[in-house]
Structures are given as C-alpha cells and as structure tokens.
C-alpha cells in the first residue's frame, strides 16, 4: 500500500474508462464502509429490535453533529482538483495541510458531545429505554469524531489529486478491523467483557483511529517539502467552496433526524426496518455516490484547466454508468427482498415493513442516479450554492412535510415516510438536471485559486 503521486494532465476525452478508473476504488472504499455498517446491523440485530433501532437513531444524531464539518471538508476535494487542473501542484499539495487543520477544528468539539445524548434523543421522540440505549452507543461513538474528520479531509485531498486508491486501501483495512472487532466487543470473549451496543461503537471508533494512522503516514510521504503552515487564503478558498456543502449536509442530515424522529414516534419496528433497508440499499447508492465523486473530481480538473467540454463529458458518462448500476440493484430489491432482509434475522413485523421499503427504493433508483451524479458534477465545478439551495428545499419542503403527513396523519408509518423520500429525490433530480443541461454552471467564470505560500 503506497500513496500515488498523481501529476498527470487531463485526457483529451472522458469516457467510461476515465470515470471508472477513478470511481472503482471509491466504490470499493464505500462498499467496505457499507460492509462495516452491515456488520454492525447484523451483530446488533442479534441483541433485539430495540438495540438495532437505537443504533440507527444514535447514528443519525452523530452524523447530524458532524454534518457541517463533513461537507466543509468536501471543499478540500473541489479546491485540490481545480488546482491540479490548473497544474498548480504546489497549491494542491498544501491543501492537504489545510484540510487537516479544518478537520481538527470541526472534529474536536464533536468528541465532547457525549453528554448531549439523553436530551437529544428525548427531543427526537425516543422512549426512555430506546433513548438510553442510543445514548450508550452515542457516548462512545463521538470519541472517534476527530479521527473521522481527518479521514474525510485526507480522502478528499487524495481524491482531488486523482488518487482514489490510497483512501480505498486505508478504508478497507480499517473496515475489516471493525468487522473483526464487532463480535468481540459486542458479545465478549475471554477477558473481553460483553459491551452490547457500546461495543459496536468502540469497534467503529477503533477502525477510525486505524484509518487515520494509515492515511497520515501515507500523506506525510507526499507532503514532504511543502509548507505546513496554515494559509488563510487557502483556508478561505476551502470555506468558500465547502461552506455551502456543509450547510447542505447539515440541513439534509437534520431533515433525516426529523425523519428518524417520525419513525421513532410510530414505533421501534418501523425505525428498525428503516435502519435495515438503508443498509441494504447502500449496495446501489454507494457505487452511484462513488461515480458521482469521480465525476466531481474530473469536472473540477476540467474547470481548473478551462475545458468545459470535458466537464460535460464527465457528467454525461458518469450519469449513464450510475444509472445502469443503480437500476440493476433496484431489480435485485424487487426480485429477492425476503432473502436480503433475512440476513439481519429481524422479527416478522420488521421484515414485512422492510419489504415495502425495498419496493419504494427500487422505484427511485433511476432518479437517484441522475441526482447523485449531477450533484457531484455541480459540486466539482464549484456551483455549491445552487446545490445547497436545491437540497434544502427538496429535503425540508418536500420530504419532511410529505413524509410527516403520510407517516403520521395517514398512519402509513415507514412506508409513508419513504414516499416522502421518493418525492425529495424526484424533485432534487429534476432541478439539478435542469441546471446541468442549462450550462450556467460552466458559463460562470470561476475565481482563480489563491497561490500557496512557498515552502521554506
């Protein structure tokens, strides 16, 4: 395993080979992450429906606290890819240091948020028993926040430089460790006591620390000779590009927190079914997300090199690739829903609800593919404010109200909430597709990246 030094120029055209060359390591990385989440759900599911629902609720709260920081760090990928496209490799290298400083700034406060668990879960509508289990998981999970943020920053930096393999190998190694530690910490063995849901959180935290150690080691070899000092001009550029992404993530995850609260109010079985199906549909979403990220990197490099036609090629190619993969997975959700749900050993009521959610998920795959790739392309071009606006409107003015009315007032539970999710995806896909086809995202001139300070 070694970092890839990528100073290559853009290809003359961008087709499936170029997109998949960047995307397949991200797909492997994301699938390994999904395997970790699946392992968490499978092992915790053996503790019962309550613990499974609690892990889903705590995970939503944790991602809510990290949402803005995670999105902000996405600005590192955009700025780095544009610097690479402009052949300003000194600035691209220094972005690695700036990303680490931002990661610590946004990650350390989250690590102190453990005591917020009980009031937060009460606010989200959890019953005392469910809230207690969620707080137990949450209080351990937050310890790994600074390491998770460093992983996000360094992954974004490597990917922006066109190196998607290094983050992949680090993530796969760490996630395999998590899968191995899960049964040990959850159920105990020998001198290791059974820790239940807290053990699942501890395994996840240990994997994030491992990932950070590997990434820092490999990034350090690439950053030798670069000026490590904080650069306000570069930090402002990351903020300019990343703060709309962070706002988008925060409000989007906030809408999912409301979403989870609806399901907690309806009942544990509905929330548990939601958690399980989210884990299952990641087998389609994560490859689509990876292709969207690859499109974003290629678009960013094309924008930095002032080649808008290549940016359009990257978007178009990535869209049909993601559509083929995600529609194929949708067929799997319809063909074998019971077999997919049986992996989690859930109770019959949870399985019945989960089957309905898988059918809804199958129906929105093509729209999700279009939305995911267009999101990545617009973000790579620096059109992050438009993406933020559309995301906020679709989440808070489509998904939440439709889901609330159908789930609570019409008594459809998780099915009604997921129909609201379908509405959000359809609305978002329509608007970002209109934006990409219109060309405004490429017609608007991008401000030049600030020059990095010379190394001393």
Protein backbone atom coordinates (compact mmCIF):
# COMPACT_ATOMS: atom_id res chain seq x y z
CA UNK A 1 0.00 0.00 0.00
CA UNK A 2 1.50 3.34 -1.02
CA UNK A 3 0.31 6.79 -1.93
CA UNK A 4 0.03 7.51 -5.63
CA UNK A 5 1.76 10.68 -6.80
CA UNK A 6 -0.60 11.93 -9.49
CA UNK A 7 0.53 14.94 -11.51
CA UNK A 8 -0.92 13.73 -14.82
CA UNK A 9 -2.76 16.03 -17.20
CA UNK A 10 -6.38 15.68 -18.23
CA UNK A 11 -7.13 13.20 -21.02
CA UNK A 12 -8.25 14.52 -24.39
CA UNK A 13 -11.69 12.99 -23.83
CA UNK A 14 -13.50 11.49 -20.84
CA UNK A 15 -15.32 8.21 -21.30
CA UNK A 16 -16.26 5.22 -19.18
CA UNK A 17 -12.63 4.16 -18.68
CA UNK A 18 -11.63 7.53 -17.20
CA UNK A 19 -14.66 7.73 -14.93
CA UNK A 20 -14.40 4.14 -13.71
CA UNK A 21 -10.63 4.47 -13.29
CA UNK A 22 -11.33 7.00 -10.54
CA UNK A 23 -14.63 5.52 -9.39
CA UNK A 24 -13.82 1.85 -8.81
CA UNK A 25 -11.51 2.45 -5.82
CA UNK A 26 -14.16 4.76 -4.32
CA UNK A 27 -16.76 2.05 -4.94
CA UNK A 28 -14.60 -0.49 -3.12
CA UNK A 29 -13.97 2.01 -0.33
CA UNK A 30 -17.69 2.78 0.04
CA UNK A 31 -18.71 -0.87 -0.19
CA UNK A 32 -16.20 -1.73 2.53
CA UNK A 33 -17.77 1.02 4.63
CA UNK A 34 -21.20 -0.45 3.91
CA UNK A 35 -19.89 -3.89 4.88
CA UNK A 36 -18.88 -2.36 8.21
CA UNK A 37 -22.37 -0.88 8.68
CA UNK A 38 -23.94 -4.17 7.66
CA UNK A 39 -21.79 -5.98 10.21
CA UNK A 40 -22.86 -3.51 12.88
CA UNK A 41 -26.53 -4.04 12.00
CA UNK A 42 -26.23 -7.83 11.74
CA UNK A 43 -24.46 -8.24 15.09
CA UNK A 44 -26.53 -5.61 16.92
CA UNK A 45 -29.69 -7.08 15.38
CA UNK A 46 -29.00 -10.25 17.34
CA UNK A 47 -29.45 -8.20 20.51
CA UNK A 48 -33.05 -7.38 19.51
CA UNK A 49 -35.19 -4.79 17.73
CA UNK A 50 -34.63 -2.13 20.43
CA UNK A 51 -30.81 -2.09 20.18
CA UNK A 52 -31.00 -2.10 16.36
CA UNK A 53 -33.35 0.90 16.39
CA UNK A 54 -31.14 2.64 18.98
CA UNK A 55 -28.02 2.30 16.83
CA UNK A 56 -29.88 3.83 13.89
CA UNK A 57 -31.12 6.74 16.00
CA UNK A 58 -27.70 7.38 17.54
CA UNK A 59 -26.03 7.20 14.15
CA UNK A 60 -28.41 9.85 12.83
CA UNK A 61 -27.62 12.15 15.78
CA UNK A 62 -23.87 11.62 15.34
CA UNK A 63 -23.97 12.44 11.64
CA UNK A 64 -26.07 15.50 12.44
CA UNK A 65 -23.28 16.84 14.67
CA UNK A 66 -20.65 16.06 12.04
CA UNK A 67 -22.66 17.11 9.01
CA UNK A 68 -21.44 20.66 8.53
CA UNK A 69 -17.81 19.69 9.10
CA UNK A 70 -18.00 16.76 6.69
CA UNK A 71 -19.48 18.95 3.99
CA UNK A 72 -16.98 21.72 4.64
CA UNK A 73 -14.12 19.26 4.16
CA UNK A 74 -15.57 18.42 0.75
CA UNK A 75 -14.26 21.84 -0.25
CA UNK A 76 -10.77 20.36 0.01
CA UNK A 77 -11.59 17.97 -2.85
CA UNK A 78 -13.01 20.72 -5.05
CA UNK A 79 -10.13 23.15 -4.42
CA UNK A 80 -7.49 20.44 -4.86
CA UNK A 81 -8.97 19.11 -8.10
CA UNK A 82 -9.20 22.61 -9.57
CA UNK A 83 -5.59 23.32 -8.59
CA UNK A 84 -4.49 20.07 -10.25
CA UNK A 85 -6.41 21.00 -13.40
CA UNK A 86 -4.62 24.36 -13.43
CA UNK A 87 -1.30 22.46 -12.96
CA UNK A 88 -0.65 24.33 -9.71
CA UNK A 89 0.65 21.28 -7.88
CA UNK A 90 2.25 23.24 -5.04
CA UNK A 91 -1.14 24.64 -4.04
CA UNK A 92 -2.70 21.19 -4.48
CA UNK A 93 -0.16 19.68 -2.06
CA UNK A 94 -0.62 22.38 0.55
CA UNK A 95 -4.35 21.76 0.55
CA UNK A 96 -3.57 18.55 2.45
CA UNK A 97 -2.32 20.52 5.46
CA UNK A 98 -5.23 22.96 5.32
CA UNK A 99 -7.66 20.05 5.31
CA UNK A 100 -6.09 18.59 8.45
CA UNK A 101 -6.34 21.89 10.31
CA UNK A 102 -10.01 22.20 9.40
CA UNK A 103 -10.62 18.54 10.34
CA UNK A 104 -9.34 19.11 13.87
CA UNK A 105 -11.31 22.35 14.17
CA UNK A 106 -14.62 20.65 13.34
CA UNK A 107 -13.92 17.23 14.88
CA UNK A 108 -12.68 18.05 18.36
CA UNK A 109 -15.91 19.78 19.54
CA UNK A 110 -17.95 16.74 18.48
CA UNK A 111 -15.75 14.50 20.64
CA UNK A 112 -17.03 16.42 23.69
CA UNK A 113 -20.71 15.97 22.81
CA UNK A 114 -21.33 12.71 24.69
CA UNK A 115 -23.44 14.32 27.47
CA UNK A 116 -25.82 15.72 24.82
CA UNK A 117 -27.12 12.23 24.05
CA UNK A 118 -30.01 11.85 26.55
CA UNK A 119 -31.67 15.26 25.92
CA UNK A 120 -31.10 14.95 22.18
CA UNK A 121 -32.79 11.56 21.92
CA UNK A 122 -35.65 12.72 24.13
CA UNK A 123 -36.10 15.63 21.72
CA UNK A 124 -36.14 13.17 18.83
CA UNK A 125 -39.12 11.41 20.39
CA UNK A 126 -37.41 8.26 21.67
CA UNK A 127 -38.93 6.39 24.60
CA UNK A 128 -36.67 6.24 27.72
CA UNK A 129 -35.50 2.68 27.05
CA UNK A 130 -34.66 3.38 23.42
CA UNK A 131 -33.07 6.70 24.33
CA UNK A 132 -30.89 5.04 26.97
CA UNK A 133 -29.51 2.50 24.51
CA UNK A 134 -28.96 5.21 21.90
CA UNK A 135 -27.08 7.35 24.45
CA UNK A 136 -24.88 4.39 25.38
CA UNK A 137 -23.86 3.94 21.73
CA UNK A 138 -23.55 7.68 21.06
CA UNK A 139 -21.31 8.44 24.06
CA UNK A 140 -18.62 6.08 22.72
CA UNK A 141 -19.06 6.89 19.03
CA UNK A 142 -18.24 10.60 19.48
CA UNK A 143 -14.70 9.76 20.64
CA UNK A 144 -13.78 8.93 17.08
CA UNK A 145 -15.06 12.19 15.56
CA UNK A 146 -11.65 13.93 15.19
CA UNK A 147 -10.22 10.84 13.50
CA UNK A 148 -13.24 10.51 11.22
CA UNK A 149 -12.86 14.15 10.18
CA UNK A 150 -9.16 13.63 9.42
CA UNK A 151 -10.09 10.65 7.29
CA UNK A 152 -12.62 12.77 5.40
CA UNK A 153 -10.10 15.57 4.82
CA UNK A 154 -7.29 13.32 3.63
CA UNK A 155 -9.61 11.23 1.44
CA UNK A 156 -10.85 14.43 -0.18
CA UNK A 157 -7.27 15.60 -0.72
CA UNK A 158 -6.07 12.33 -2.25
CA UNK A 159 -9.16 12.10 -4.46
CA UNK A 160 -8.86 15.70 -5.63
CA UNK A 161 -5.34 14.86 -6.84
CA UNK A 162 -6.74 11.93 -8.81
CA UNK A 163 -5.59 9.27 -6.33
CA UNK A 164 -8.60 7.28 -5.21
CA UNK A 165 -6.66 4.07 -4.46
CA UNK A 166 -4.86 5.25 -1.32
CA UNK A 167 -8.07 6.14 0.58
CA UNK A 168 -9.57 2.87 -0.64
CA UNK A 169 -6.82 0.66 0.82
CA UNK A 170 -6.81 2.53 4.12
CA UNK A 171 -10.59 2.34 4.43
CA UNK A 172 -10.80 -1.35 3.51
CA UNK A 173 -8.13 -2.21 6.10
CA UNK A 174 -9.87 -0.22 8.82
CA UNK A 175 -13.33 -1.56 7.99
CA UNK A 176 -12.12 -5.16 8.05
CA UNK A 177 -10.74 -4.46 11.50
CA UNK A 178 -14.15 -3.13 12.55
CA UNK A 179 -15.91 -6.26 11.30
CA UNK A 180 -13.49 -8.43 13.28
CA UNK A 181 -13.83 -6.38 16.47
CA UNK A 182 -17.64 -6.18 16.39
CA UNK A 183 -18.48 -9.66 17.76
CA UNK A 184 -15.58 -9.46 20.21
CA UNK A 185 -16.71 -6.18 21.78
CA UNK A 186 -20.47 -6.71 21.46
CA UNK A 187 -20.68 -10.26 22.83
CA UNK A 188 -17.34 -10.54 24.64
CA UNK A 189 -14.79 -13.33 24.60
CA UNK A 190 -12.31 -14.46 27.24
CA UNK A 191 -11.08 -11.44 29.21
CA UNK A 192 -13.03 -9.03 26.98
CA UNK A 193 -16.46 -8.32 28.54
CA UNK A 194 -19.68 -8.15 26.54
CA UNK A 195 -20.42 -4.46 25.95
CA UNK A 196 -23.53 -4.63 23.77
CA UNK A 197 -24.23 -1.52 21.70
CA UNK A 198 -21.31 0.31 23.31
CA UNK A 199 -19.04 -2.43 21.98
CA UNK A 200 -20.27 -1.80 18.44
CA UNK A 201 -19.42 1.89 18.84
CA UNK A 202 -16.00 1.04 20.26
CA UNK A 203 -15.20 -1.19 17.28
CA UNK A 204 -16.16 1.63 14.91
CA UNK A 205 -14.01 4.12 16.82
CA UNK A 206 -11.01 1.77 16.75
CA UNK A 207 -11.36 1.40 12.98
CA UNK A 208 -11.43 5.20 12.52
CA UNK A 209 -8.26 5.61 14.55
CA UNK A 210 -6.57 2.92 12.45
CA UNK A 211 -7.69 4.59 9.24
CA UNK A 212 -6.24 7.92 10.43
CA UNK A 213 -2.88 6.40 11.28
CA UNK A 214 -2.59 4.82 7.83
CA UNK A 215 -3.73 7.95 6.00
CA UNK A 216 -1.40 10.27 7.94
CA UNK A 217 1.57 8.01 7.24
CA UNK A 218 0.90 7.85 3.50
CA UNK A 219 0.01 11.53 3.19
CA UNK A 220 3.15 12.50 5.11
CA UNK A 221 5.33 10.98 2.41
CA UNK A 222 3.54 13.05 -0.24
CA UNK A 223 3.66 16.29 1.74
CA UNK A 224 7.40 16.37 2.44
CA UNK A 225 8.85 19.71 1.39
CA UNK A 226 5.50 21.51 1.28
CA UNK A 227 4.96 24.47 3.60
CA UNK A 228 2.92 23.11 6.54
CA UNK A 229 1.81 26.46 7.95
CA UNK A 230 -1.87 27.45 7.92
CA UNK A 231 -2.57 29.62 4.89
CA UNK A 232 -5.54 31.96 5.38
CA UNK A 233 -6.00 32.44 1.63
CA UNK A 234 -6.27 28.69 1.03
CA UNK A 235 -8.47 28.20 4.09
CA UNK A 236 -10.80 30.93 2.85
CA UNK A 237 -10.97 29.19 -0.54
CA UNK A 238 -11.92 25.89 1.09
CA UNK A 239 -14.51 27.78 3.13
CA UNK A 240 -15.92 29.47 0.01
CA UNK A 241 -16.32 26.14 -1.76
CA UNK A 242 -17.09 23.95 1.23
CA UNK A 243 -19.37 26.01 3.47
CA UNK A 244 -22.38 25.66 1.11
CA UNK A 245 -21.72 21.91 1.01
CA UNK A 246 -21.52 21.90 4.81
CA UNK A 247 -24.77 23.84 5.11
CA UNK A 248 -26.38 21.43 2.66
CA UNK A 249 -25.18 18.42 4.64
CA UNK A 250 -26.25 19.91 7.97
CA UNK A 251 -29.78 20.71 6.83
CA UNK A 252 -30.04 17.44 4.91
CA UNK A 253 -28.96 15.33 7.87
CA UNK A 254 -31.21 17.50 10.05
CA UNK A 255 -34.12 16.51 7.83
CA UNK A 256 -33.14 12.87 8.28
CA UNK A 257 -33.09 13.40 12.04
CA UNK A 258 -36.70 14.61 11.79
CA UNK A 259 -37.32 11.63 9.52
CA UNK A 260 -35.94 9.23 12.16
CA UNK A 261 -37.98 11.02 14.83
CA UNK A 262 -41.17 10.32 12.87
CA UNK A 263 -40.32 6.64 12.77
CA UNK A 264 -39.38 6.57 16.46
CA UNK A 265 -42.81 8.03 17.22
CA UNK A 266 -44.54 5.43 15.03
CA UNK A 267 -42.74 2.52 16.69
CA UNK A 268 -39.49 0.59 17.06
CA UNK A 269 -40.39 -1.85 14.28
CA UNK A 270 -40.73 0.97 11.73
CA UNK A 271 -37.44 2.56 12.79
CA UNK A 272 -35.65 -0.81 12.78
CA UNK A 273 -36.99 -1.60 9.28
CA UNK A 274 -35.76 1.81 8.09
CA UNK A 275 -32.28 1.12 9.53
CA UNK A 276 -32.06 -2.29 7.87
CA UNK A 277 -33.27 -1.14 4.45
CA UNK A 278 -30.92 1.84 4.46
CA UNK A 279 -28.08 -0.62 5.00
CA UNK A 280 -29.32 -2.79 2.13
CA UNK A 281 -29.83 -0.05 -0.45
CA UNK A 282 -26.29 1.18 0.13
CA UNK A 283 -25.26 -1.55 -2.31
CA UNK A 284 -26.75 0.68 -5.02
CA UNK A 285 -26.31 4.13 -3.54
CA UNK A 286 -22.64 3.81 -2.67
CA UNK A 287 -21.48 2.84 -6.19
CA UNK A 288 -23.63 5.67 -7.53
CA UNK A 289 -22.13 8.04 -4.99
CA UNK A 290 -18.62 6.90 -5.94
CA UNK A 291 -19.29 7.56 -9.62
CA UNK A 292 -20.65 10.98 -8.70
CA UNK A 293 -17.49 11.71 -6.72
CA UNK A 294 -15.35 10.62 -9.68
CA UNK A 295 -17.38 12.90 -11.94
CA UNK A 296 -16.83 15.73 -9.46
CA UNK A 297 -13.05 15.25 -9.50
CA UNK A 298 -12.92 15.12 -13.30
CA UNK A 299 -15.22 18.13 -13.61
CA UNK A 300 -13.12 20.06 -11.10
CA UNK A 301 -9.93 19.31 -13.01
CA UNK A 302 -11.61 20.25 -16.30
CA UNK A 303 -12.85 23.53 -14.83
CA UNK A 304 -9.37 24.28 -13.47
CA UNK A 305 -7.92 23.59 -16.92
CA UNK A 306 -10.67 25.70 -18.59
CA UNK A 307 -12.05 22.78 -20.64
CA UNK A 308 -15.86 22.90 -20.19
CA UNK A 309 -16.48 20.27 -22.87
CA UNK A 310 -14.51 17.71 -20.85
CA UNK A 311 -16.61 18.60 -17.81
CA UNK A 312 -19.77 17.84 -19.78
CA UNK A 313 -18.33 14.54 -20.97
CA UNK A 314 -17.52 13.54 -17.40
CA UNK A 315 -21.07 14.30 -16.27
CA UNK A 316 -22.77 12.50 -19.17
CA UNK A 317 -20.62 9.38 -18.95
CA UNK A 318 -20.95 9.14 -15.18
CA UNK A 319 -24.74 9.54 -15.38
CA UNK A 320 -25.32 6.54 -17.63
CA UNK A 321 -22.82 4.42 -15.69
CA UNK A 322 -24.55 5.18 -12.38
CA UNK A 323 -27.97 4.59 -13.92
CA UNK A 324 -27.06 1.13 -15.20
CA UNK A 325 -25.65 0.05 -11.84
CA UNK A 326 -28.41 1.51 -9.67
CA UNK A 327 -31.30 0.30 -11.83
CA UNK A 328 -29.74 -3.18 -11.79
CA UNK A 329 -29.65 -3.07 -8.00
CA UNK A 330 -33.27 -1.91 -7.97
CA UNK A 331 -34.20 -5.07 -9.82
CA UNK A 332 -32.47 -7.06 -7.08
CA UNK A 333 -34.54 -5.30 -4.39
CA UNK A 334 -37.73 -6.38 -6.15
CA UNK A 335 -36.58 -9.90 -7.01
CA UNK A 336 -35.26 -11.11 -3.65
CA UNK A 337 -36.44 -8.78 -0.85
CA UNK A 338 -37.01 -11.57 1.66
CA UNK A 339 -33.54 -13.02 1.15
CA UNK A 340 -31.94 -9.61 1.65
CA UNK A 341 -33.91 -8.97 4.83
CA UNK A 342 -33.25 -12.44 6.22
CA UNK A 343 -29.55 -11.59 6.59
CA UNK A 344 -30.44 -9.42 9.58
CA UNK A 345 -32.55 -12.02 11.39
CA UNK A 346 -35.24 -9.40 12.04
CA UNK A 347 -38.64 -10.11 13.52
CA UNK A 348 -41.57 -10.79 11.13
CA UNK A 349 -43.13 -7.34 11.66
CA UNK A 350 -39.86 -5.61 10.79
CA UNK A 351 -39.41 -7.82 7.71
CA UNK A 352 -42.92 -7.01 6.44
CA UNK A 353 -42.29 -3.26 6.69
CA UNK A 354 -38.82 -3.63 5.21
CA UNK A 355 -40.23 -5.41 2.15
CA UNK A 356 -42.43 -2.39 1.40
CA UNK A 357 -39.47 -0.02 1.75
CA UNK A 358 -37.36 -2.07 -0.64
CA UNK A 359 -40.08 -1.74 -3.30
CA UNK A 360 -40.07 2.04 -2.86
CA UNK A 361 -36.27 2.06 -3.06
CA UNK A 362 -36.36 0.08 -6.30
CA UNK A 363 -38.73 2.64 -7.82
CA UNK A 364 -36.49 5.64 -7.22
CA UNK A 365 -33.15 4.18 -8.38
CA UNK A 366 -33.01 5.88 -11.78
CA UNK A 367 -33.87 9.29 -10.30
CA UNK A 368 -31.31 8.80 -7.54
CA UNK A 369 -28.62 8.00 -10.13
CA UNK A 370 -29.33 11.22 -12.04
CA UNK A 371 -29.42 13.27 -8.85
CA UNK A 372 -26.24 11.81 -7.37
CA UNK A 373 -24.06 12.35 -10.44
CA UNK A 374 -25.41 15.84 -11.17
CA UNK A 375 -24.77 16.74 -7.53
CA UNK A 376 -21.15 15.57 -7.86
CA UNK A 377 -20.63 17.40 -11.17
CA UNK A 378 -22.05 20.71 -9.96
CA UNK A 379 -20.03 20.49 -6.74
CA UNK A 380 -16.83 19.75 -8.67
CA UNK A 381 -17.46 22.84 -10.79
CA UNK A 382 -17.77 24.96 -7.65
CA UNK A 383 -21.52 25.53 -8.11
CA UNK A 384 -22.04 24.58 -4.46
CA UNK A 385 -24.53 27.32 -3.56
CA UNK A 386 -27.09 26.12 -6.10
CA UNK A 387 -26.73 22.54 -4.89
CA UNK A 388 -27.19 23.72 -1.31
CA UNK A 389 -30.36 25.63 -2.17
CA UNK A 390 -31.97 22.76 -4.07
CA UNK A 391 -31.01 20.25 -1.39
CA UNK A 392 -32.52 22.33 1.41
CA UNK A 393 -35.75 22.96 -0.48
CA UNK A 394 -36.19 19.32 -1.51
CA UNK A 395 -35.45 17.98 1.98
CA UNK A 396 -37.41 20.42 4.12
CA UNK A 397 -40.25 21.38 1.79
CA UNK A 398 -40.82 18.05 0.06
CA UNK A 399 -39.52 15.07 2.06
CA UNK A 400 -40.35 16.23 5.59
CA UNK A 401 -43.91 17.52 5.03
CA UNK A 402 -44.97 14.70 2.69
CA UNK A 403 -43.39 12.09 4.95
CA UNK A 404 -45.00 13.59 8.06
CA UNK A 405 -48.48 13.70 6.55
CA UNK A 406 -48.31 10.18 5.15
CA UNK A 407 -46.49 8.56 8.07
CA UNK A 408 -48.29 10.21 10.98
CA UNK A 409 -51.64 11.58 9.82
CA UNK A 410 -52.48 8.83 7.35
CA UNK A 411 -50.92 6.12 9.52
CA UNK A 412 -48.64 4.68 6.83
CA UNK A 413 -45.61 4.67 9.13
CA UNK A 414 -42.26 3.96 7.48
CA UNK A 415 -43.90 3.45 4.08
CA UNK A 416 -45.36 6.96 4.17
CA UNK A 417 -42.05 8.46 5.26
CA UNK A 418 -40.24 6.72 2.40
CA UNK A 419 -42.79 8.00 -0.10
CA UNK A 420 -41.76 11.45 1.12
CA UNK A 421 -38.13 10.44 0.49
CA UNK A 422 -39.12 9.40 -3.05
CA UNK A 423 -40.62 12.84 -3.57
CA UNK A 424 -37.43 14.51 -2.38
CA UNK A 425 -35.23 12.50 -4.79
CA UNK A 426 -37.53 13.17 -7.74
CA UNK A 427 -37.66 16.92 -7.06
CA UNK A 428 -33.91 17.20 -6.49
CA UNK A 429 -33.11 15.19 -9.64
CA UNK A 430 -35.34 17.39 -11.79
CA UNK A 431 -33.74 20.64 -10.63
CA UNK A 432 -30.08 19.58 -10.78
CA UNK A 433 -30.64 18.00 -14.20
CA UNK A 434 -32.14 21.29 -15.39
CA UNK A 435 -29.09 23.14 -14.03
CA UNK A 436 -26.55 20.86 -15.69
CA UNK A 437 -28.32 20.82 -19.05
CA UNK A 438 -28.67 24.61 -18.98
CA UNK A 439 -24.91 25.19 -18.80
CA UNK A 440 -24.88 28.05 -16.28
CA UNK A 441 -22.62 26.02 -14.01
CA UNK A 442 -19.88 26.15 -16.67
CA UNK A 443 -20.65 29.55 -18.21
CA UNK A 444 -19.97 31.42 -14.96
CA UNK A 445 -16.23 32.16 -14.63
CA UNK A 446 -14.59 30.60 -11.60
CA UNK A 447 -12.31 32.81 -9.50
CA UNK A 448 -8.65 31.76 -9.65
CA UNK A 449 -7.31 29.75 -6.73
CA UNK A 450 -5.06 31.70 -4.38
CA UNK A 451 -1.39 30.87 -4.70
CA UNK A 452 0.18 28.83 -1.93
CA UNK A 453 2.98 30.33 0.09
CA UNK A 454 6.38 29.00 -0.97
CA UNK A 455 7.92 26.26 1.15
CA UNK A 456 10.78 27.34 3.36
